[in-house]
Amino acid sequence: MKWLISLMALLVITGCTSPTVFLTTERLAKEDRAELITVLSQSGFQVEPTIGVRIPEAFPDVVVATNPANENPDFFSKLERIIQQQSLAPVSYQKLYQQKHYYKGRDVGLYVRGNEPELRLPPVLRGDEDTCNGQRIILEFINKNKLKIDVEGEEIISYTADYRTVLPNTVYANLESVDNTVKFKLSQVSVETYAGMRTADKLVVTSNGNSILPIGCEFMIIHY
């Protein structure tokens, strides 16, 4: 009898478990993002913010992505009502099979693009050998989604990475062949040069470093 009661309790718990909402944001103010997470959580949603995921350019500003078999009208109505209360853009729905945008079972992806200014990134920066494991590295932002790293030696070894920015000063990059997401911090500093004091953009690895990009590895470009 006890095992039957335990089994019924497990079924009730499993049945009541809320799907996970994987939240991806771009150009959304930090305060608005935090408020959205809080409101969703307080409304009973399990929220999992994503790292290193880009919102496809073809997506409207607010998208709920599901797998084609996910049918849960009450869940979607409640989610849409909360999004509308946050004065965000109208909700669009996408049923997807793609790798990064496919969600199993009843889980969904919520993509929100705000209207904050984008983080301005310098096109090319040179790494500091002393902080980058003695490596001579050039980091280049190719476009809004991709960056390239050239490690100079007897021959140049190149790596590419998907990246995304988070205001006010953070860059996340997923380097090819490396599992973790590297986090950078961008700042402006004053440096002394042969032409006097000049302003420079400085990009520093702050977490999840690896052998190519260790924590503390610094990149800089000086503006003359």
Protein backbone atom coordinates (compact mmCIF):
# COMPACT_ATOMS: atom_id res chain seq x y z
CA MET A 1 0.00 0.00 0.00
CA LYS A 2 2.83 2.37 0.89
CA TRP A 3 4.47 1.89 -2.50
CA LEU A 4 1.17 2.72 -4.22
CA ILE A 5 0.80 5.94 -2.24
CA SER A 6 4.41 6.88 -3.02
CA LEU A 7 3.87 6.19 -6.70
CA MET A 8 0.73 8.32 -6.80
CA ALA A 9 2.54 11.15 -5.03
CA LEU A 10 5.37 10.96 -7.54
CA LEU A 11 2.93 11.11 -10.44
CA VAL A 12 1.23 14.17 -8.92
CA ILE A 13 4.58 15.95 -8.43
CA THR A 14 5.73 15.07 -11.95
CA GLY A 15 2.45 16.17 -13.47
CA CYS A 16 2.58 19.51 -11.68
CA THR A 17 6.18 20.27 -12.58
CA SER A 18 6.25 23.43 -14.66
CA PRO A 19 8.11 23.43 -17.98
CA THR A 20 11.36 25.37 -18.04
CA VAL A 21 11.45 28.74 -19.80
CA PHE A 22 14.91 29.24 -21.31
CA LEU A 23 15.32 33.01 -21.49
CA THR A 24 17.56 34.65 -24.10
CA THR A 25 17.80 38.44 -24.22
CA GLU A 26 19.63 41.00 -26.31
CA ARG A 27 19.75 44.78 -25.90
CA LEU A 28 17.39 44.51 -22.94
CA ALA A 29 18.22 46.77 -20.01
CA LYS A 30 19.70 44.89 -17.04
CA GLU A 31 16.91 46.10 -14.76
CA ASP A 32 14.18 45.06 -17.23
CA ARG A 33 15.75 41.62 -17.63
CA ALA A 34 15.94 41.13 -13.86
CA GLU A 35 12.33 42.23 -13.45
CA LEU A 36 11.15 39.84 -16.18
CA ILE A 37 12.94 36.92 -14.50
CA THR A 38 11.46 37.87 -11.12
CA VAL A 39 7.89 38.20 -12.41
CA LEU A 40 8.08 34.91 -14.31
CA SER A 41 9.51 33.10 -11.27
CA GLN A 42 6.92 34.56 -8.91
CA SER A 43 4.21 33.44 -11.34
CA GLY A 44 5.33 29.83 -11.06
CA PHE A 45 7.57 29.54 -14.12
CA GLN A 46 10.96 27.86 -13.91
CA VAL A 47 13.32 30.30 -15.62
CA GLU A 48 16.75 29.36 -16.95
CA PRO A 49 18.71 32.32 -18.44
CA THR A 50 20.90 31.23 -21.33
CA ILE A 51 24.54 32.13 -22.00
CA GLY A 52 26.15 32.38 -25.42
CA VAL A 53 22.90 32.02 -27.38
CA ARG A 54 22.13 34.54 -30.12
CA ILE A 55 18.64 35.59 -31.12
CA PRO A 56 18.26 34.75 -34.83
CA GLU A 57 18.05 37.92 -36.91
CA ALA A 58 14.86 36.63 -38.55
CA PHE A 59 13.08 36.53 -35.16
CA PRO A 60 10.72 39.37 -34.20
CA ASP A 61 11.49 41.17 -30.94
CA VAL A 62 9.62 38.71 -28.70
CA VAL A 63 9.41 35.02 -29.63
CA VAL A 64 8.26 31.91 -27.79
CA ALA A 65 9.91 28.88 -29.40
CA THR A 66 8.58 25.36 -28.92
CA ASN A 67 8.88 21.98 -30.52
CA PRO A 68 6.09 21.14 -32.99
CA ALA A 69 4.44 18.63 -30.63
CA ASN A 70 4.15 21.02 -27.67
CA GLU A 71 0.50 21.88 -27.14
CA ASN A 72 -0.25 23.58 -23.83
CA PRO A 73 -2.74 26.46 -24.34
CA ASP A 74 -3.09 27.41 -20.66
CA PHE A 75 0.68 27.61 -20.20
CA PHE A 76 1.16 29.77 -23.30
CA SER A 77 -1.76 32.07 -22.40
CA LYS A 78 -0.32 32.67 -18.95
CA LEU A 79 3.17 33.27 -20.32
CA GLU A 80 1.91 35.67 -22.98
CA ARG A 81 -0.15 37.60 -20.43
CA ILE A 82 2.93 38.17 -18.24
CA ILE A 83 5.02 39.29 -21.24
CA GLN A 84 2.32 41.79 -22.20
CA GLN A 85 2.29 43.18 -18.66
CA GLN A 86 6.00 44.00 -19.05
CA SER A 87 5.20 46.35 -21.95
CA LEU A 88 7.26 44.26 -24.37
CA ALA A 89 6.59 43.77 -28.07
CA PRO A 90 3.77 41.44 -29.19
CA VAL A 91 4.52 37.73 -28.83
CA SER A 92 5.24 35.59 -31.89
CA TYR A 93 5.49 31.81 -31.85
CA GLN A 94 8.02 29.61 -33.61
CA LYS A 95 7.91 25.82 -33.77
CA LEU A 96 11.47 24.79 -34.48
CA TYR A 97 13.69 21.77 -35.08
CA GLN A 98 17.06 23.61 -35.08
CA GLN A 99 19.75 22.55 -32.62
CA LYS A 100 20.14 25.68 -30.47
CA HIS A 101 16.46 26.55 -30.73
CA TYR A 102 14.87 23.14 -30.22
CA TYR A 103 13.24 22.51 -26.85
CA LYS A 104 12.33 19.03 -25.64
CA GLY A 105 9.00 18.09 -24.16
CA ARG A 106 7.07 21.02 -22.73
CA ASP A 107 10.11 23.30 -22.29
CA VAL A 108 10.11 26.53 -24.29
CA GLY A 109 12.52 29.23 -25.35
CA LEU A 110 11.67 32.87 -24.71
CA TYR A 111 13.63 35.34 -26.84
CA VAL A 112 13.40 39.04 -26.01
CA ARG A 113 15.17 41.76 -27.97
CA GLY A 114 15.13 45.19 -26.34
CA ASN A 115 15.97 48.61 -27.75
CA GLU A 116 19.00 49.51 -25.68
CA PRO A 117 22.03 50.74 -27.65
CA GLU A 118 24.42 47.99 -28.67
CA LEU A 119 27.81 47.64 -27.02
CA ARG A 120 30.37 49.29 -29.30
CA LEU A 121 33.29 46.95 -29.85
CA PRO A 122 36.69 47.79 -31.33
CA PRO A 123 37.31 45.87 -34.56
CA VAL A 124 40.75 44.47 -33.63
CA LEU A 125 42.73 44.14 -30.38
CA ARG A 126 46.18 42.75 -29.59
CA GLY A 127 46.74 40.43 -26.64
CA ASP A 128 49.25 41.08 -23.90
CA GLU A 129 51.83 38.25 -23.91
CA ASP A 130 52.50 38.53 -20.16
CA THR A 131 48.86 37.85 -19.28
CA CYS A 132 48.03 35.45 -22.14
CA ASN A 133 50.40 32.57 -21.36
CA GLY A 134 53.20 34.10 -23.42
CA GLN A 135 51.12 33.90 -26.58
CA ARG A 136 50.97 36.55 -29.30
CA ILE A 137 47.28 36.84 -30.03
CA ILE A 138 45.14 39.03 -32.27
CA LEU A 139 41.40 39.19 -31.53
CA GLU A 140 39.13 40.45 -34.29
CA PHE A 141 35.38 41.04 -34.17
CA ILE A 142 34.34 39.93 -37.66
CA ASN A 143 30.66 40.88 -37.39
CA LYS A 144 27.86 41.05 -34.82
CA ASN A 145 27.97 37.31 -34.24
CA LYS A 146 31.50 36.08 -34.91
CA LEU A 147 34.98 36.83 -33.64
CA LYS A 148 38.33 35.37 -34.70
CA ILE A 149 41.45 34.70 -32.65
CA ASP A 150 44.85 34.34 -34.34
CA VAL A 151 47.62 32.84 -32.21
CA GLU A 152 50.93 33.81 -33.82
CA GLY A 153 53.90 31.43 -33.75
CA GLU A 154 55.90 29.57 -36.36
CA GLU A 155 52.55 29.41 -38.04
CA ILE A 156 49.29 31.18 -37.28
CA ILE A 157 46.61 29.08 -35.59
CA SER A 158 43.15 30.56 -35.97
CA TYR A 159 40.01 29.99 -33.91
CA THR A 160 36.52 31.33 -34.41
CA ALA A 161 33.79 31.88 -31.85
CA ASP A 162 30.16 32.90 -31.63
CA TYR A 163 29.74 35.80 -29.24
CA ARG A 164 27.09 38.01 -27.75
CA THR A 165 27.21 41.20 -25.72
CA VAL A 166 25.40 42.18 -22.53
CA LEU A 167 25.26 45.81 -21.53
CA PRO A 168 26.96 47.65 -20.07
CA ASN A 169 30.35 45.98 -20.68
CA THR A 170 30.22 42.19 -21.01
CA VAL A 171 31.05 39.87 -23.91
CA TYR A 172 30.36 36.11 -23.90
CA ALA A 173 32.18 33.95 -26.46
CA ASN A 174 31.84 30.26 -27.33
CA LEU A 175 35.23 29.27 -28.72
CA GLU A 176 35.20 26.37 -31.17
CA SER A 177 36.37 23.04 -29.71
CA VAL A 178 36.04 24.45 -26.16
CA ASP A 179 33.01 23.55 -24.05
CA ASN A 180 32.84 26.50 -21.70
CA THR A 181 31.72 30.05 -22.48
CA VAL A 182 34.46 32.64 -21.97
CA LYS A 183 33.41 35.90 -20.33
CA PHE A 184 35.15 39.20 -21.13
CA LYS A 185 34.84 42.65 -19.62
CA LEU A 186 35.29 45.72 -21.84
CA SER A 187 36.55 49.01 -20.44
CA GLN A 188 38.28 52.21 -21.49
CA VAL A 189 41.59 53.09 -19.88
CA SER A 190 44.24 55.79 -20.23
CA VAL A 191 47.71 54.66 -21.28
CA GLU A 192 50.97 56.52 -21.70
CA THR A 193 52.40 56.43 -25.23
CA TYR A 194 55.19 58.15 -27.18
CA ALA A 195 52.53 60.68 -28.18
CA GLY A 196 51.41 61.32 -24.60
CA MET A 197 48.38 59.97 -22.75
CA ARG A 198 45.85 58.23 -24.97
CA THR A 199 42.55 56.37 -24.49
CA ALA A 200 42.51 52.62 -25.13
CA ASP A 201 39.85 49.92 -25.30
CA LYS A 202 40.72 47.02 -23.01
CA LEU A 203 39.11 43.58 -23.10
CA VAL A 204 39.90 41.17 -20.25
CA VAL A 205 38.95 37.51 -19.72
CA THR A 206 37.16 37.49 -16.34
CA SER A 207 35.84 33.92 -16.04
CA ASN A 208 35.78 30.46 -17.63
CA GLY A 209 39.26 30.87 -19.05
CA ASN A 210 41.09 28.09 -20.89
CA SER A 211 44.57 27.35 -22.24
CA ILE A 212 44.02 29.70 -25.17
CA LEU A 213 42.29 32.47 -23.24
CA PRO A 214 43.31 32.21 -19.56
CA ILE A 215 41.61 34.31 -16.90
CA GLY A 216 43.26 37.73 -16.78
CA CYS A 217 44.32 37.63 -20.45
CA GLU A 218 44.18 41.24 -21.67
CA PHE A 219 43.58 42.67 -25.13
CA MET A 220 43.99 46.31 -26.01
CA ILE A 221 43.83 48.82 -28.84
CA ILE A 222 45.11 52.38 -28.35
CA HIS A 223 43.31 55.26 -30.06
CA TYR A 224 45.82 57.79 -31.40
